[in-house]
Protein backbone atom coordinates (compact mmCIF):
# COMPACT_ATOMS: atom_id res chain seq x y z
CA MET A 1 0.00 0.00 0.00
CA ILE A 2 2.79 2.42 0.89
CA ARG A 3 4.64 1.64 -2.34
CA LYS A 4 1.52 2.25 -4.39
CA PHE A 5 1.00 5.55 -2.61
CA LEU A 6 4.58 6.66 -3.29
CA ARG A 7 4.25 5.74 -6.96
CA TYR A 8 1.04 7.76 -7.14
CA ILE A 9 2.74 10.79 -5.58
CA ARG A 10 5.65 10.52 -7.99
CA LYS A 11 3.39 10.17 -11.02
CA ASN A 12 1.33 13.22 -10.14
CA LYS A 13 4.10 15.50 -8.95
CA ASN A 14 4.76 18.57 -11.05
CA TYR A 15 8.31 17.91 -12.26
CA GLN A 16 10.19 20.34 -14.47
CA TYR A 17 11.92 17.45 -16.24
CA LYS A 18 10.89 13.85 -16.78
CA GLU A 19 12.56 10.63 -17.92
CA LYS A 20 16.12 10.07 -19.12
CA PHE A 21 17.08 9.03 -22.65
CA SER A 22 20.28 8.27 -24.55
CA SER A 23 19.42 10.40 -27.60
CA PHE A 24 17.37 13.40 -28.66
CA GLU A 25 15.42 11.25 -31.13
CA GLU A 26 14.48 8.76 -28.41
CA ALA A 27 13.14 11.55 -26.22
CA LYS A 28 11.17 12.96 -29.14
CA ARG A 29 9.55 9.59 -29.88
CA PHE A 30 8.66 8.89 -26.27
CA SER A 31 5.35 10.68 -26.11
CA GLU A 32 2.71 11.85 -28.54
CA GLU A 33 2.48 14.98 -26.42
CA VAL A 34 6.00 16.08 -27.32
CA SER A 35 5.90 19.30 -29.27
CA GLU A 36 8.17 22.00 -30.65
CA TYR A 37 9.47 24.36 -27.98
CA PHE A 38 6.95 27.17 -27.84
CA ASP A 39 6.14 29.38 -24.87
CA ASN A 40 2.82 31.18 -25.26
CA ARG A 41 3.75 33.46 -22.36
CA LEU A 42 6.45 35.16 -24.42
CA LEU A 43 4.58 36.53 -27.40
CA LYS A 44 4.75 40.22 -26.48
CA PHE A 45 7.76 42.02 -27.92
CA GLN A 46 9.89 43.70 -25.26
CA GLY A 47 12.04 46.63 -26.36
CA PRO A 48 14.84 48.41 -24.46
CA LYS A 49 12.40 50.24 -22.16
CA ASP A 50 10.58 47.02 -21.26
CA VAL A 51 13.50 44.91 -20.00
CA GLU A 52 15.68 44.81 -16.90
CA VAL A 53 19.26 43.59 -17.22
CA THR A 54 19.32 40.93 -14.51
CA GLY A 55 20.12 37.23 -14.26
CA ARG A 56 21.42 35.59 -17.41
CA PHE A 57 20.77 38.68 -19.55
CA TYR A 58 23.62 40.71 -18.09
CA VAL A 59 26.29 38.54 -19.80
CA VAL A 60 25.83 39.74 -23.38
CA SER A 61 25.56 43.39 -22.27
CA ILE A 62 28.89 43.28 -20.44
CA ILE A 63 30.70 41.56 -23.33
CA THR A 64 29.28 44.05 -25.84
CA SER A 65 30.50 47.00 -23.78
CA LEU A 66 34.05 45.61 -23.87
CA LEU A 67 34.28 45.43 -27.66
CA ASN A 68 36.09 48.41 -29.17
CA LYS A 69 33.95 48.75 -32.30
CA LYS A 70 31.58 51.43 -33.57
CA LYS A 71 28.94 48.92 -34.62
CA ILE A 72 28.63 45.35 -33.37
CA ASP A 73 27.00 42.43 -35.18
CA ILE A 74 25.23 39.88 -32.99
CA LEU A 75 23.53 36.60 -33.80
CA ASP A 76 20.94 35.85 -31.13
CA VAL A 77 19.89 32.19 -31.38
CA GLY A 78 16.43 31.66 -29.89
CA GLY A 79 16.15 35.26 -28.67
CA GLY A 80 12.37 35.18 -28.73
CA SER A 81 10.41 38.31 -27.80
CA GLN A 82 13.19 39.48 -25.48
CA PRO A 83 16.15 39.72 -27.88
CA ALA A 84 19.68 40.54 -26.78
CA PHE A 85 19.19 43.77 -28.77
CA SER A 86 16.83 45.16 -26.10
CA TYR A 87 19.12 44.36 -23.16
CA ILE A 88 22.19 45.81 -24.87
CA LYS A 89 20.45 49.05 -25.90
CA GLN A 90 18.92 49.44 -22.46
CA SER A 91 22.19 49.03 -20.56
CA THR A 92 24.92 50.27 -22.92
CA GLY A 93 23.33 52.32 -25.68
CA ARG A 94 25.84 50.79 -28.11
CA SER A 95 25.12 50.74 -31.84
CA ILE A 96 24.39 47.13 -32.80
CA ASN A 97 22.92 45.02 -35.56
CA CYS A 98 21.11 42.03 -34.09
CA THR A 99 19.85 39.05 -36.06
CA VAL A 100 17.54 36.70 -34.15
CA LEU A 101 17.24 33.08 -35.27
CA GLU A 102 13.80 31.75 -34.32
CA THR A 103 11.13 29.34 -35.51
CA GLU A 104 8.95 30.27 -38.47
CA LYS A 105 5.84 29.91 -36.31
CA PHE A 106 7.17 32.38 -33.75
CA ILE A 107 8.35 34.93 -36.33
CA LYS A 108 4.93 35.10 -37.99
CA ILE A 109 3.53 36.27 -34.66
CA ILE A 110 6.31 38.53 -33.34
CA SER A 111 7.13 40.31 -36.64
CA LYS A 112 3.82 42.18 -36.41
CA LYS A 113 4.68 43.49 -32.94
CA ILE A 114 8.15 44.97 -33.49
CA PRO A 115 8.12 48.81 -33.59
CA ASN A 116 9.31 50.26 -36.91
CA LYS A 117 12.07 52.27 -35.17
CA PHE A 118 13.89 49.03 -34.31
CA LYS A 119 13.57 47.22 -37.64
CA LYS A 120 16.69 48.77 -39.16
CA ASN A 121 18.94 47.13 -36.56
CA LEU A 122 16.85 44.14 -35.51
CA LYS A 123 16.00 41.30 -37.88
CA TYR A 124 14.33 37.92 -37.33
CA ILE A 125 15.17 34.89 -39.52
CA TYR A 126 14.08 31.24 -39.30
CA SER A 127 16.79 29.69 -41.46
CA PHE A 128 20.54 29.94 -41.01
CA SER A 129 20.85 30.34 -44.78
CA ASP A 130 19.02 33.67 -44.47
CA LEU A 131 21.89 35.13 -42.47
CA LYS A 132 23.56 37.40 -45.03
CA LYS A 133 26.77 37.98 -43.10
CA LYS A 134 30.30 36.63 -43.46
CA HIS A 135 31.32 37.69 -39.96
CA ILE A 136 29.68 38.36 -36.60
CA ASP A 137 31.14 39.65 -33.35
CA ILE A 138 29.03 37.74 -30.83
CA ALA A 139 26.95 34.57 -31.03
CA CYS A 140 24.46 34.48 -28.19
CA PHE A 141 22.50 31.43 -27.00
CA ASN A 142 20.24 32.71 -24.22
CA SER A 143 19.00 29.38 -22.83
CA SER A 144 18.47 27.88 -26.29
CA ILE A 145 21.29 25.53 -27.35
CA GLN A 146 19.75 22.69 -25.29
CA TYR A 147 16.74 22.50 -27.65
CA PHE A 148 18.74 21.84 -30.83
CA SER A 149 19.10 18.19 -31.81
CA ASP A 150 21.81 19.25 -34.28
CA TYR A 151 23.62 21.56 -31.86
CA GLU A 152 27.07 20.40 -33.01
CA ASN A 153 26.31 21.38 -36.59
CA MET A 154 24.89 24.68 -35.38
CA ILE A 155 28.11 25.51 -33.53
CA LYS A 156 30.15 24.45 -36.56
CA LYS A 157 28.22 26.83 -38.82
CA ILE A 158 28.49 29.70 -36.38
CA SER A 159 32.22 29.17 -35.81
CA ALA A 160 32.70 29.69 -39.58
CA LEU A 161 31.46 33.26 -39.03
CA LYS A 162 34.40 33.74 -36.63
CA PRO A 163 32.62 35.47 -33.75
CA ILE A 164 34.94 36.87 -31.10
CA TYR A 165 32.69 35.52 -28.36
CA MET A 166 30.14 32.73 -28.01
CA LEU A 167 27.78 32.97 -25.05
CA PHE A 168 25.62 30.19 -23.58
CA THR A 169 23.32 31.14 -20.71
CA ARG A 170 21.06 29.14 -18.40
CA THR A 171 21.93 25.79 -19.97
CA PRO A 172 21.81 22.48 -18.04
CA TYR A 173 25.12 20.66 -17.51
CA HIS A 174 26.39 17.69 -15.53
CA HIS A 175 29.83 16.17 -14.95
CA GLN A 176 29.43 12.77 -16.56
CA ASN A 177 31.20 11.94 -19.83
CA ASN A 178 28.17 11.91 -22.14
CA ASN A 179 25.05 13.96 -22.75
CA TYR A 180 21.69 12.67 -21.66
CA TYR A 181 18.24 13.78 -22.78
CA SER A 182 14.97 14.44 -20.99
CA LEU A 183 11.55 15.95 -21.48
CA GLN A 184 10.95 19.46 -20.22
CA CYS A 185 7.41 19.97 -19.01
CA SER A 186 7.60 23.24 -17.07
CA ILE A 187 5.92 25.24 -19.85
CA LYS A 188 2.15 24.84 -19.88
CA GLY A 189 0.91 23.11 -23.02
CA SER A 190 4.38 22.10 -24.21
CA THR A 191 6.41 18.97 -23.52
CA HIS A 192 9.61 18.84 -25.51
CA PRO A 193 13.07 17.21 -25.58
CA ILE A 194 15.94 18.94 -23.84
CA ILE A 195 19.66 18.15 -23.69
CA PHE A 196 21.59 17.90 -20.43
CA PHE A 197 25.14 18.50 -21.63
CA SER A 198 28.28 16.81 -20.42
CA PHE A 199 30.30 19.85 -19.36
CA LYS A 200 33.54 18.19 -20.42
CA LYS A 201 32.16 17.19 -23.81
CA PHE A 202 30.73 20.67 -24.42
CA LYS A 203 34.02 22.42 -23.63
CA ASN A 204 35.89 20.03 -25.91
CA LEU A 205 33.46 20.76 -28.74
CA LEU A 206 34.08 24.51 -28.51
CA HIS A 207 37.82 23.99 -28.22
CA ARG A 208 37.72 21.96 -31.43
CA TYR A 209 36.63 25.17 -33.17
CA ASN A 210 39.31 27.23 -31.39
CA TYR A 211 37.28 28.71 -28.55
CA GLU A 212 38.41 28.80 -24.93
CA LEU A 213 36.25 29.10 -21.83
CA ILE A 214 36.91 32.42 -20.08
CA PHE A 215 33.87 32.69 -17.77
CA GLU A 216 31.68 30.17 -15.94
CA ASN A 217 28.79 30.86 -13.58
CA LYS A 218 27.09 27.88 -11.91
CA TYR A 219 23.68 28.10 -10.22
CA ASP A 220 20.34 26.32 -9.61
CA VAL A 221 22.16 23.48 -7.86
CA ASN A 222 19.77 21.14 -6.07
CA THR A 223 16.73 23.27 -6.96
CA GLN A 224 15.43 21.77 -10.22
CA GLU A 225 12.90 18.93 -9.94
CA HIS A 226 13.68 15.94 -12.17
CA GLU A 227 11.62 12.75 -12.11
CA VAL A 228 14.56 10.32 -12.20
CA ILE A 229 17.78 12.41 -11.84
CA LYS A 230 18.97 13.66 -8.48
CA PRO A 231 18.82 17.48 -8.53
CA LYS A 232 22.29 17.81 -7.00
CA SER A 233 23.84 16.03 -10.00
CA PHE A 234 23.17 18.83 -12.50
CA SER A 235 22.98 22.62 -12.60
CA HIS A 236 22.55 25.58 -14.91
CA LYS A 237 25.56 27.50 -16.14
CA ASP A 238 26.34 30.74 -17.95
CA LEU A 239 29.43 30.31 -20.13
CA ILE A 240 31.53 32.70 -22.21
CA PHE A 241 33.91 31.34 -24.84
CA ARG A 242 36.44 33.54 -26.64
CA LYS A 243 38.10 32.93 -29.98
CA ILE A 244 41.65 31.70 -29.45
CA LYS A 245 44.20 33.93 -31.12
CA LYS A 246 46.70 32.09 -33.28
CA GLU A 247 49.67 33.11 -31.18
CA ASN A 248 47.92 31.87 -28.00
CA LYS A 249 47.04 28.57 -29.62
CA ASN A 250 50.65 27.97 -30.64
CA LEU A 251 51.77 28.32 -27.04
CA LYS A 252 49.51 25.45 -25.87
């Protein structure tokens, strides 16, 4: 009777993450309820006057302020209705061009809500092939890389644009040797696959494309509810990687 009761409690508890899989595809096939990442709460565009530079959003603003350039080109992957553009303009006032890579479904909704005064410097695209740039200064993943099944190919494509910095904020990591995959169910009406990255494997991937880790912030330890993984075994991190200069690489 006690065991049945405990199973009932576990089944009906509101976990943020459920199950553990060995691949993204396996997680995607697990349930008919699995859907594309889509948060209906974030469909109102937020410009510079609507945002507050706190939490994970401070990272890109600080890095932008350190670059000694008149105009900065940023690729914001999964920036949603709160693009890096708004946080940078609010906190630094720097002149930037920001391209946001989002889903076609999302862009159809948000494109109608962007004020005309921002459209010269803020552009939304849903295909990497629509990025008409040969170089960018910053690639920003604000809690988004964990939703890409082809994340390695995404990083490869972006590294070809030779950004000075790559930023990854509020992303789940653990200290085992391999990634594992789960279902995120914290967004009402959406259950979708998510990657828990091996921190070692992720760093090695970036180093393969000549990027070194220069900043790491770890948080949310033992606070996230997972159905089968102990919460103390994973955490969220904000990471900054910088392009390795040739002379530095030769010294290693």
